[in-house]
Amino acid sequence: MYIGDHTPTPYGGQDASPPWTLSSPICHTMLSNGSFTHMWGTQAYIRTEKQCWDVPADPALNHTSMPDTRTPAVVNAKAFFRALRSGANCKANWCYGANRFVGSAYTRTRGAALVGFDEDISRTCMARLPISEREQFGNARGWGCKLANYSILNLFNDTYNSCPNLEWIVCAAMGELRGQSGIRLASNSSKITPFAGPHRFKYLPGHYTNVEVVYLELCVLSFICTNGADLFVPSFRWQPAFRCLYSAAKLDELEALVVNPHPHPARPQPHHPPSPHAHPN
């Protein structure tokens, strides 16, 4: 079932009222039913006729301070995912044009890739800085997170769309970002509710927001990491950095889901363990 603007809902439009929290099964459904299809446009936050992998990578990301730059010759899905699997662009500058962060992709020491909603990322980074640096860099998330030893995706100057976003999160899953040491969640992913609250997944005609981007990042991680279900364990936020058990085979499956989504998926059913008093027929 589809809503009025012909955009699929996470469960195919079926009974979206219960307050389910995000989980690996829900992520699998969203990846397979086209929930993210409108996010693959060539322009940031806008649905376009062409997909972002149908055009060359933006050369602006090849900043002169980065000798190992993104491969520009990506002109179709197969070429894009081939480069993605190779990790060829993982050492690129993923914070290009971010205020005083222009051209700098380095943390003070090795640090975790930070994933979460914008306000939570800012809060997490600022909490690690001394008061003097919080005051100085409070409005410059890229620079503040750099000083806090976190790696984030923070692209400006028209260099962003969901393709480099997918590259960044897959590189994080591989552990191949420059100076990376694992992954940490800035947001409590065990409490994210797709159908309710300030961070619900919105289906906006023709565009999307940073909230939907976080769903994409978490769902990709949950899919291509064999331990991805750990992302949604209630106490996970307070544990050490997540180390993804990356699966190349799962990335192959992800390519098929992203490029050829199924429009009418079966809704995943909640798992109810059998009663200890139940008897087989």
Protein backbone atom coordinates (compact mmCIF):
# COMPACT_ATOMS: atom_id res chain seq x y z
CA MET A 1 0.00 0.00 0.00
CA TYR A 2 1.19 3.54 -0.75
CA ILE A 3 0.30 6.88 0.74
CA GLY A 4 -1.15 9.69 -1.33
CA ASP A 5 2.06 10.86 -2.97
CA HIS A 6 2.89 7.29 -4.05
CA THR A 7 5.76 7.05 -1.59
CA PRO A 8 6.05 3.70 0.24
CA THR A 9 5.67 3.62 4.00
CA PRO A 10 8.05 1.48 6.09
CA TYR A 11 5.48 -1.30 6.44
CA GLY A 12 3.81 -0.82 3.08
CA GLY A 13 1.29 1.51 4.73
CA GLN A 14 -0.09 -1.13 7.07
CA ASP A 15 -1.08 -0.08 10.59
CA ALA A 16 1.62 2.48 11.41
CA SER A 17 0.21 3.32 14.85
CA PRO A 18 2.10 1.01 17.28
CA PRO A 19 5.24 2.68 18.66
CA TRP A 20 7.77 0.21 17.29
CA THR A 21 11.38 1.16 17.78
CA LEU A 22 13.91 0.85 14.98
CA SER A 23 15.41 -2.62 14.62
CA SER A 24 17.24 -4.76 12.11
CA PRO A 25 14.01 -6.35 10.75
CA ILE A 26 12.40 -2.93 10.32
CA CYS A 27 15.55 -1.67 8.59
CA HIS A 28 15.52 -4.64 6.23
CA THR A 29 11.92 -3.85 5.30
CA MET A 30 12.69 -0.18 4.72
CA LEU A 31 15.69 -1.02 2.55
CA SER A 32 13.75 -3.54 0.49
CA ASN A 33 10.44 -1.70 0.02
CA GLY A 34 11.82 1.49 -1.49
CA SER A 35 11.56 3.66 1.63
CA PHE A 36 14.85 5.32 0.70
CA THR A 37 14.34 5.46 -3.08
CA HIS A 38 13.54 9.19 -3.10
CA MET A 39 16.90 9.90 -1.42
CA TRP A 40 19.16 8.85 -4.30
CA GLY A 41 18.83 12.02 -6.35
CA THR A 42 21.77 13.94 -7.80
CA GLN A 43 21.02 16.98 -5.63
CA ALA A 44 21.05 17.15 -1.84
CA TYR A 45 17.66 16.56 -0.19
CA ILE A 46 15.75 16.67 -3.50
CA ARG A 47 14.28 13.82 -5.51
CA THR A 48 15.55 13.98 -9.10
CA GLU A 49 14.97 11.93 -12.22
CA LYS A 50 18.58 10.74 -12.31
CA GLN A 51 20.13 8.76 -9.49
CA CYS A 52 23.28 10.09 -7.83
CA TRP A 53 25.37 7.16 -9.10
CA ASP A 54 24.46 8.10 -12.69
CA VAL A 55 26.72 11.17 -12.64
CA PRO A 56 30.47 11.55 -11.94
CA ALA A 57 31.55 12.10 -8.34
CA ASP A 58 31.95 15.75 -7.43
CA PRO A 59 35.63 16.72 -7.93
CA ALA A 60 35.28 19.34 -5.17
CA LEU A 61 35.82 16.53 -2.66
CA ASN A 62 39.30 16.04 -4.14
CA HIS A 63 40.76 18.79 -2.02
CA THR A 64 44.42 19.54 -2.67
CA SER A 65 45.34 18.51 0.88
CA MET A 66 44.07 14.99 0.21
CA PRO A 67 46.45 13.00 -2.02
CA ASP A 68 44.17 9.94 -2.10
CA THR A 69 40.97 11.36 -3.52
CA ARG A 70 37.53 10.15 -4.56
CA THR A 71 37.29 8.40 -7.91
CA PRO A 72 35.36 10.75 -10.22
CA ALA A 73 34.51 8.31 -13.01
CA VAL A 74 31.30 6.89 -11.53
CA VAL A 75 28.53 6.89 -14.13
CA ASN A 76 26.24 3.99 -13.22
CA ALA A 77 25.18 1.84 -10.29
CA LYS A 78 27.54 -1.04 -11.05
CA ALA A 79 30.58 1.25 -11.23
CA PHE A 80 29.51 3.08 -8.07
CA PHE A 81 29.11 -0.11 -6.03
CA ARG A 82 32.33 -1.56 -7.47
CA ALA A 83 34.21 1.48 -6.14
CA LEU A 84 32.27 1.22 -2.89
CA ARG A 85 33.29 -2.41 -2.36
CA SER A 86 36.94 -1.60 -3.04
CA GLY A 87 37.06 1.17 -0.43
CA ALA A 88 38.84 3.31 -3.01
CA ASN A 89 37.45 6.57 -1.66
CA CYS A 90 37.54 5.90 2.06
CA LYS A 91 40.47 8.24 2.77
CA ALA A 92 38.80 11.21 1.09
CA ASN A 93 38.01 14.45 2.88
CA TRP A 94 34.49 13.92 4.23
CA CYS A 95 34.31 17.35 5.86
CA TYR A 96 34.91 19.52 2.83
CA GLY A 97 33.73 23.12 3.13
CA ALA A 98 32.58 22.88 6.76
CA ASN A 99 33.40 26.38 8.05
CA ARG A 100 36.95 26.43 9.45
CA PHE A 101 37.12 22.71 8.80
CA VAL A 102 37.78 23.20 5.08
CA GLY A 103 40.30 20.73 3.72
CA SER A 104 41.07 19.07 7.05
CA ALA A 105 40.12 15.43 7.57
CA TYR A 106 42.25 14.67 10.60
CA THR A 107 41.39 14.25 14.26
CA ARG A 108 43.93 14.93 17.02
CA THR A 109 44.29 11.18 17.54
CA ARG A 110 42.45 8.13 16.22
CA GLY A 111 38.73 8.46 16.82
CA ALA A 112 35.38 6.81 16.23
CA ALA A 113 33.05 7.61 13.34
CA LEU A 114 30.12 9.38 14.95
CA VAL A 115 26.58 8.57 13.77
CA GLY A 116 23.35 10.21 14.91
CA PHE A 117 20.99 13.14 14.64
CA ASP A 118 22.61 16.55 14.18
CA GLU A 119 21.84 17.93 17.62
CA ASP A 120 23.11 14.74 19.29
CA ILE A 121 26.34 14.83 17.28
CA SER A 122 26.94 18.44 18.30
CA ARG A 123 26.17 17.64 21.94
CA THR A 124 28.46 14.59 21.96
CA CYS A 125 31.35 16.48 20.42
CA MET A 126 30.99 19.55 22.63
CA ALA A 127 30.80 17.41 25.79
CA ARG A 128 34.30 16.14 25.14
CA LEU A 129 35.85 19.60 24.73
CA PRO A 130 37.04 21.96 27.47
CA ILE A 131 34.73 24.92 28.13
CA SER A 132 37.00 27.36 26.26
CA GLU A 133 36.79 25.27 23.07
CA ARG A 134 33.04 24.72 23.43
CA GLU A 135 32.52 28.46 23.39
CA GLN A 136 34.86 28.90 20.44
CA PHE A 137 33.54 26.09 18.24
CA GLY A 138 29.95 25.64 19.43
CA ASN A 139 28.54 26.69 16.05
CA ALA A 140 31.12 24.81 13.97
CA ARG A 141 30.20 21.13 14.32
CA GLY A 142 32.85 19.87 11.92
CA TRP A 143 35.71 21.64 13.64
CA GLY A 144 34.44 20.85 17.14
CA CYS A 145 34.08 17.15 16.36
CA LYS A 146 37.56 17.10 14.85
CA LEU A 147 39.01 18.50 18.08
CA ALA A 148 36.94 15.97 20.05
CA ASN A 149 38.52 13.14 18.03
CA TYR A 150 35.37 12.11 16.20
CA SER A 151 35.08 11.49 12.47
CA ILE A 152 31.86 12.84 10.98
CA LEU A 153 30.36 13.39 7.54
CA ASN A 154 29.96 17.14 7.10
CA LEU A 155 29.97 18.19 3.43
CA PHE A 156 29.14 21.65 2.14
CA ASN A 157 29.73 23.70 -1.05
CA ASP A 158 27.23 21.58 -3.03
CA THR A 159 29.34 18.43 -2.62
CA TYR A 160 26.67 16.45 -0.73
CA ASN A 161 24.06 13.95 -1.85
CA SER A 162 23.20 10.46 -0.63
CA CYS A 163 25.92 8.74 -2.69
CA PRO A 164 28.86 10.17 -0.72
CA ASN A 165 26.73 9.58 2.38
CA LEU A 166 26.49 5.89 1.49
CA GLU A 167 30.22 5.80 0.73
CA TRP A 168 31.03 7.32 4.12
CA ILE A 169 28.89 4.93 6.15
CA VAL A 170 30.18 1.87 4.25
CA CYS A 171 33.77 3.05 4.76
CA ALA A 172 32.95 3.45 8.46
CA ALA A 173 31.59 -0.11 8.52
CA MET A 174 34.85 -1.30 6.93
CA GLY A 175 36.84 0.70 9.49
CA GLU A 176 38.67 2.45 6.65
CA LEU A 177 37.99 6.16 7.26
CA ARG A 178 41.12 8.19 7.83
CA GLY A 179 42.13 7.93 11.49
CA GLN A 180 39.06 5.84 12.36
CA SER A 181 38.73 3.74 15.48
CA GLY A 182 35.34 2.04 15.42
CA ILE A 183 31.87 3.60 15.34
CA ARG A 184 29.97 5.39 18.10
CA LEU A 185 26.33 6.37 18.26
CA ALA A 186 25.56 9.92 19.29
CA SER A 187 21.81 9.16 19.38
CA ASN A 188 20.15 6.44 21.43
CA SER A 189 19.13 4.18 18.54
CA SER A 190 17.22 1.83 20.84
CA LYS A 191 14.59 4.57 21.32
CA ILE A 192 14.15 5.74 17.73
CA THR A 193 10.51 5.31 16.71
CA PRO A 194 9.90 5.51 12.94
CA PHE A 195 6.23 6.47 13.32
CA ALA A 196 6.24 8.86 16.27
CA GLY A 197 8.24 11.53 18.03
CA PRO A 198 10.52 14.33 16.82
CA HIS A 199 12.66 11.94 14.77
CA ARG A 200 9.96 9.97 13.00
CA PHE A 201 10.63 8.95 9.41
CA LYS A 202 8.81 11.47 7.23
CA TYR A 203 7.74 10.84 3.64
CA LEU A 204 7.88 14.31 2.16
CA PRO A 205 6.94 14.65 -1.53
CA GLY A 206 10.05 15.23 -3.56
CA HIS A 207 12.57 15.71 -0.78
CA TYR A 208 14.01 14.44 2.50
CA THR A 209 15.79 15.78 5.60
CA ASN A 210 18.77 14.93 7.78
CA VAL A 211 16.46 12.84 9.95
CA GLU A 212 15.86 10.40 7.10
CA VAL A 213 19.61 10.36 6.42
CA VAL A 214 20.24 9.00 9.93
CA TYR A 215 17.73 6.19 9.28
CA LEU A 216 19.61 5.37 6.09
CA GLU A 217 22.97 5.28 7.89
CA LEU A 218 21.72 3.09 10.74
CA CYS A 219 19.87 0.73 8.41
CA VAL A 220 22.90 0.31 6.15
CA LEU A 221 25.06 -0.49 9.19
CA SER A 222 22.50 -2.94 10.53
CA PHE A 223 22.40 -4.68 7.15
CA ILE A 224 26.08 -4.95 6.16
CA CYS A 225 27.43 -5.68 9.67
CA THR A 226 26.71 -9.24 10.76
CA ASN A 227 26.45 -7.92 14.33
CA GLY A 228 24.22 -5.04 13.21
CA ALA A 229 21.44 -5.96 15.64
CA ASP A 230 23.74 -4.76 18.43
CA LEU A 231 23.09 -1.20 17.27
CA PHE A 232 19.58 -1.40 18.73
CA VAL A 233 20.36 -3.01 22.09
CA PRO A 234 18.93 -0.64 24.76
CA SER A 235 22.20 -0.12 26.63
CA PHE A 236 24.40 0.08 23.52
CA ARG A 237 24.80 3.85 23.55
CA TRP A 238 26.86 3.65 26.71
CA GLN A 239 29.14 0.87 25.50
CA PRO A 240 32.56 1.28 23.84
CA ALA A 241 32.71 2.10 20.15
CA PHE A 242 30.88 -0.34 17.91
CA ARG A 243 33.16 -2.46 15.76
CA CYS A 244 31.25 -3.65 12.75
CA LEU A 245 31.73 -7.24 11.59
CA TYR A 246 31.60 -6.16 7.98
CA SER A 247 30.27 -8.55 5.34
CA ALA A 248 31.13 -7.99 1.67
CA ALA A 249 28.38 -10.46 0.74
CA LYS A 250 25.81 -8.33 2.60
CA LEU A 251 27.00 -5.26 0.68
CA ASP A 252 26.27 -7.17 -2.54
CA GLU A 253 22.76 -7.84 -1.21
CA LEU A 254 22.40 -4.18 -0.30
CA GLU A 255 23.23 -3.16 -3.86
CA ALA A 256 20.39 -5.31 -5.15
CA LEU A 257 17.95 -3.84 -2.62
CA VAL A 258 18.94 -0.23 -3.26
CA VAL A 259 19.01 -0.43 -7.05
CA ASN A 260 15.93 -2.67 -7.42
CA PRO A 261 13.64 -2.17 -4.39
CA HIS A 262 10.49 -4.26 -4.06
CA PRO A 263 7.40 -2.03 -3.92
CA HIS A 264 5.11 -4.38 -1.97
CA PRO A 265 7.05 -6.07 0.85
CA ALA A 266 5.55 -8.31 3.47
CA ARG A 267 5.45 -6.58 6.81
CA PRO A 268 7.80 -8.21 9.37
CA GLN A 269 5.86 -9.65 12.27
CA PRO A 270 6.91 -9.16 15.91
CA HIS A 271 8.59 -12.25 17.30
CA HIS A 272 6.71 -13.89 20.17
CA PRO A 273 8.56 -16.75 21.89
CA PRO A 274 6.43 -19.85 22.48
CA SER A 275 4.76 -20.22 25.85
CA PRO A 276 6.58 -22.64 28.17
CA HIS A 277 3.25 -24.41 28.58
CA ALA A 278 2.54 -24.75 24.87
CA HIS A 279 2.27 -28.26 23.44
CA PRO A 280 3.04 -29.26 19.87
CA ASN A 281 0.12 -30.38 17.74
